[in-house]
């Protein structure tokens, strides 16, 4: 089991964001996030959104840096990917980057 992180490419709220995913287990992903002090509200169904300034600390904890394309390929291969259709029922929930759920 491995946890992966992509480059901080997504701008929002004055910073850029990376995605943290597991290739095998949401339990593993949650464990790593807790260990790194990432708040639960940063979880977005199949990944954590993490600000650029947290990326190096996550890599130091064992997250493997990969490209954005490689991250999504690994997430899909794991079977943990939540599709757009599956996300729709959750659309009414505040996104971690939104004002009410900002990190």
C-alpha atoms as a PDB file:
ATOM      1  CA  UNK A   1       0.000   0.000   0.000  1.00  0.00           C
ATOM      2  CA  UNK A   2       1.283   3.423  -0.934  1.00  0.00           C
ATOM      3  CA  UNK A   3       0.072   6.970  -0.533  1.00  0.00           C
ATOM      4  CA  UNK A   4       0.713   9.363  -3.419  1.00  0.00           C
ATOM      5  CA  UNK A   5       0.747  13.136  -3.754  1.00  0.00           C
ATOM      6  CA  UNK A   6       0.662  15.193  -6.930  1.00  0.00           C
ATOM      7  CA  UNK A   7       2.165  18.650  -7.534  1.00  0.00           C
ATOM      8  CA  UNK A   8       0.291  21.650  -6.114  1.00  0.00           C
ATOM      9  CA  UNK A   9      -1.355  22.762  -9.348  1.00  0.00           C
ATOM     10  CA  UNK A  10      -4.873  23.821  -8.311  1.00  0.00           C
ATOM     11  CA  UNK A  11      -5.144  27.465  -7.161  1.00  0.00           C
ATOM     12  CA  UNK A  12      -7.703  28.530  -4.576  1.00  0.00           C
ATOM     13  CA  UNK A  13      -7.790  30.778  -1.520  1.00  0.00           C
ATOM     14  CA  UNK A  14      -4.366  32.298  -2.081  1.00  0.00           C
ATOM     15  CA  UNK A  15      -2.428  29.051  -2.410  1.00  0.00           C
ATOM     16  CA  UNK A  16      -2.172  26.009  -4.638  1.00  0.00           C
ATOM     17  CA  UNK A  17      -3.376  22.545  -3.703  1.00  0.00           C
ATOM     18  CA  UNK A  18      -2.197  18.958  -4.092  1.00  0.00           C
ATOM     19  CA  UNK A  19      -4.175  15.756  -3.850  1.00  0.00           C
ATOM     20  CA  UNK A  20      -3.253  12.928  -1.500  1.00  0.00           C
ATOM     21  CA  UNK A  21      -4.533   9.432  -2.418  1.00  0.00           C
ATOM     22  CA  UNK A  22      -3.983   5.793  -1.514  1.00  0.00           C
ATOM     23  CA  UNK A  23      -3.582   3.021  -4.047  1.00  0.00           C
ATOM     24  CA  UNK A  24      -5.269   0.454  -1.818  1.00  0.00           C
ATOM     25  CA  UNK A  25      -7.175   1.683   1.210  1.00  0.00           C
ATOM     26  CA  UNK A  26      -9.107   4.688   2.473  1.00  0.00           C
ATOM     27  CA  UNK A  27      -8.164   3.535   5.987  1.00  0.00           C
ATOM     28  CA  UNK A  28      -4.494   3.937   5.054  1.00  0.00           C
ATOM     29  CA  UNK A  29      -5.203   7.344   3.546  1.00  0.00           C
ATOM     30  CA  UNK A  30      -7.048   8.528   6.668  1.00  0.00           C
ATOM     31  CA  UNK A  31      -4.247   7.199   8.899  1.00  0.00           C
ATOM     32  CA  UNK A  32      -1.585   9.137   6.993  1.00  0.00           C
ATOM     33  CA  UNK A  33      -3.735  12.272   6.986  1.00  0.00           C
ATOM     34  CA  UNK A  34      -4.277  12.050  10.768  1.00  0.00           C
ATOM     35  CA  UNK A  35      -0.553  11.443  11.299  1.00  0.00           C
ATOM     36  CA  UNK A  36       0.209  14.561   9.231  1.00  0.00           C
ATOM     37  CA  UNK A  37      -2.386  16.657  11.059  1.00  0.00           C
ATOM     38  CA  UNK A  38      -4.573  17.154   7.988  1.00  0.00           C
ATOM     39  CA  UNK A  39      -8.116  17.960   9.115  1.00  0.00           C
ATOM     40  CA  UNK A  40     -10.921  15.551   8.243  1.00  0.00           C
ATOM     41  CA  UNK A  41     -12.750  18.336   6.397  1.00  0.00           C
ATOM     42  CA  UNK A  42      -9.981  18.210   3.744  1.00  0.00           C
ATOM     43  CA  UNK A  43     -11.214  14.758   2.657  1.00  0.00           C
ATOM     44  CA  UNK A  44     -13.123  14.838  -0.641  1.00  0.00           C
ATOM     45  CA  UNK A  45     -14.619  11.318  -1.051  1.00  0.00           C
ATOM     46  CA  UNK A  46     -11.486   9.673  -2.511  1.00  0.00           C
ATOM     47  CA  UNK A  47      -8.636  12.084  -1.753  1.00  0.00           C
ATOM     48  CA  UNK A  48      -7.438  14.800   0.587  1.00  0.00           C
ATOM     49  CA  UNK A  49      -6.884  18.322  -0.677  1.00  0.00           C
ATOM     50  CA  UNK A  50      -3.678  19.633   0.871  1.00  0.00           C
ATOM     51  CA  UNK A  51      -2.135  23.096   0.555  1.00  0.00           C
ATOM     52  CA  UNK A  52       1.229  23.404  -1.160  1.00  0.00           C
ATOM     53  CA  UNK A  53       3.015  24.231   2.092  1.00  0.00           C
ATOM     54  CA  UNK A  54       2.117  20.774   3.527  1.00  0.00           C
ATOM     55  CA  UNK A  55       3.467  18.764   0.563  1.00  0.00           C
ATOM     56  CA  UNK A  56       7.078  18.385   1.757  1.00  0.00           C
ATOM     57  CA  UNK A  57       5.940  17.189   5.190  1.00  0.00           C
ATOM     58  CA  UNK A  58       3.738  14.551   3.569  1.00  0.00           C
ATOM     59  CA  UNK A  59       6.612  13.369   1.399  1.00  0.00           C
ATOM     60  CA  UNK A  60       8.775  13.144   4.532  1.00  0.00           C
ATOM     61  CA  UNK A  61       6.064  10.902   6.057  1.00  0.00           C
ATOM     62  CA  UNK A  62       6.285   8.593   3.050  1.00  0.00           C
ATOM     63  CA  UNK A  63       3.893   9.992   0.435  1.00  0.00           C
ATOM     64  CA  UNK A  64       5.320   9.297  -3.007  1.00  0.00           C
ATOM     65  CA  UNK A  65       5.383  12.331  -5.321  1.00  0.00           C
ATOM     66  CA  UNK A  66       3.892  11.627  -8.756  1.00  0.00           C
ATOM     67  CA  UNK A  67       2.497  13.664 -11.627  1.00  0.00           C
ATOM     68  CA  UNK A  68      -1.186  14.575 -11.623  1.00  0.00           C
ATOM     69  CA  UNK A  69      -1.785  12.106 -14.454  1.00  0.00           C
ATOM     70  CA  UNK A  70      -0.011   9.293 -12.628  1.00  0.00           C
ATOM     71  CA  UNK A  71      -1.965  10.029  -9.453  1.00  0.00           C
ATOM     72  CA  UNK A  72      -5.319   9.689 -11.212  1.00  0.00           C
ATOM     73  CA  UNK A  73      -4.205   6.508 -12.995  1.00  0.00           C
ATOM     74  CA  UNK A  74      -3.211   4.940  -9.675  1.00  0.00           C
ATOM     75  CA  UNK A  75      -6.438   6.076  -8.011  1.00  0.00           C
ATOM     76  CA  UNK A  76      -8.537   4.571 -10.814  1.00  0.00           C
ATOM     77  CA  UNK A  77      -6.545   1.316 -10.727  1.00  0.00           C
ATOM     78  CA  UNK A  78      -7.102   1.065  -6.967  1.00  0.00           C
ATOM     79  CA  UNK A  79     -10.878   1.004  -7.391  1.00  0.00           C
ATOM     80  CA  UNK A  80     -11.197   3.869  -4.886  1.00  0.00           C
ATOM     81  CA  UNK A  81     -11.909   6.582  -7.467  1.00  0.00           C
ATOM     82  CA  UNK A  82     -15.243   8.346  -6.978  1.00  0.00           C
ATOM     83  CA  UNK A  83     -16.631   9.277 -10.399  1.00  0.00           C
ATOM     84  CA  UNK A  84     -18.380  12.535 -11.268  1.00  0.00           C
ATOM     85  CA  UNK A  85     -21.726  10.724 -11.313  1.00  0.00           C
ATOM     86  CA  UNK A  86     -21.057   9.355  -7.831  1.00  0.00           C
ATOM     87  CA  UNK A  87     -20.061  12.824  -6.608  1.00  0.00           C
ATOM     88  CA  UNK A  88     -23.355  14.478  -7.627  1.00  0.00           C
ATOM     89  CA  UNK A  89     -25.300  13.321  -4.558  1.00  0.00           C
ATOM     90  CA  UNK A  90     -22.555  14.900  -2.440  1.00  0.00           C
ATOM     91  CA  UNK A  91     -22.573  18.208  -4.342  1.00  0.00           C
ATOM     92  CA  UNK A  92     -24.638  19.942  -1.671  1.00  0.00           C
ATOM     93  CA  UNK A  93     -21.887  19.379   0.890  1.00  0.00           C
ATOM     94  CA  UNK A  94     -19.334  22.169   1.341  1.00  0.00           C
ATOM     95  CA  UNK A  95     -16.112  21.490  -0.523  1.00  0.00           C
ATOM     96  CA  UNK A  96     -12.943  21.823   1.579  1.00  0.00           C
ATOM     97  CA  UNK A  97     -11.884  24.825  -0.489  1.00  0.00           C
ATOM     98  CA  UNK A  98     -15.208  26.631  -0.095  1.00  0.00           C
ATOM     99  CA  UNK A  99     -15.618  29.464   2.358  1.00  0.00           C
ATOM    100  CA  UNK A 100     -17.507  27.390   4.930  1.00  0.00           C
ATOM    101  CA  UNK A 101     -15.007  24.558   4.866  1.00  0.00           C
ATOM    102  CA  UNK A 102     -11.707  26.307   4.178  1.00  0.00           C
ATOM    103  CA  UNK A 103      -8.591  24.634   5.457  1.00  0.00           C
END
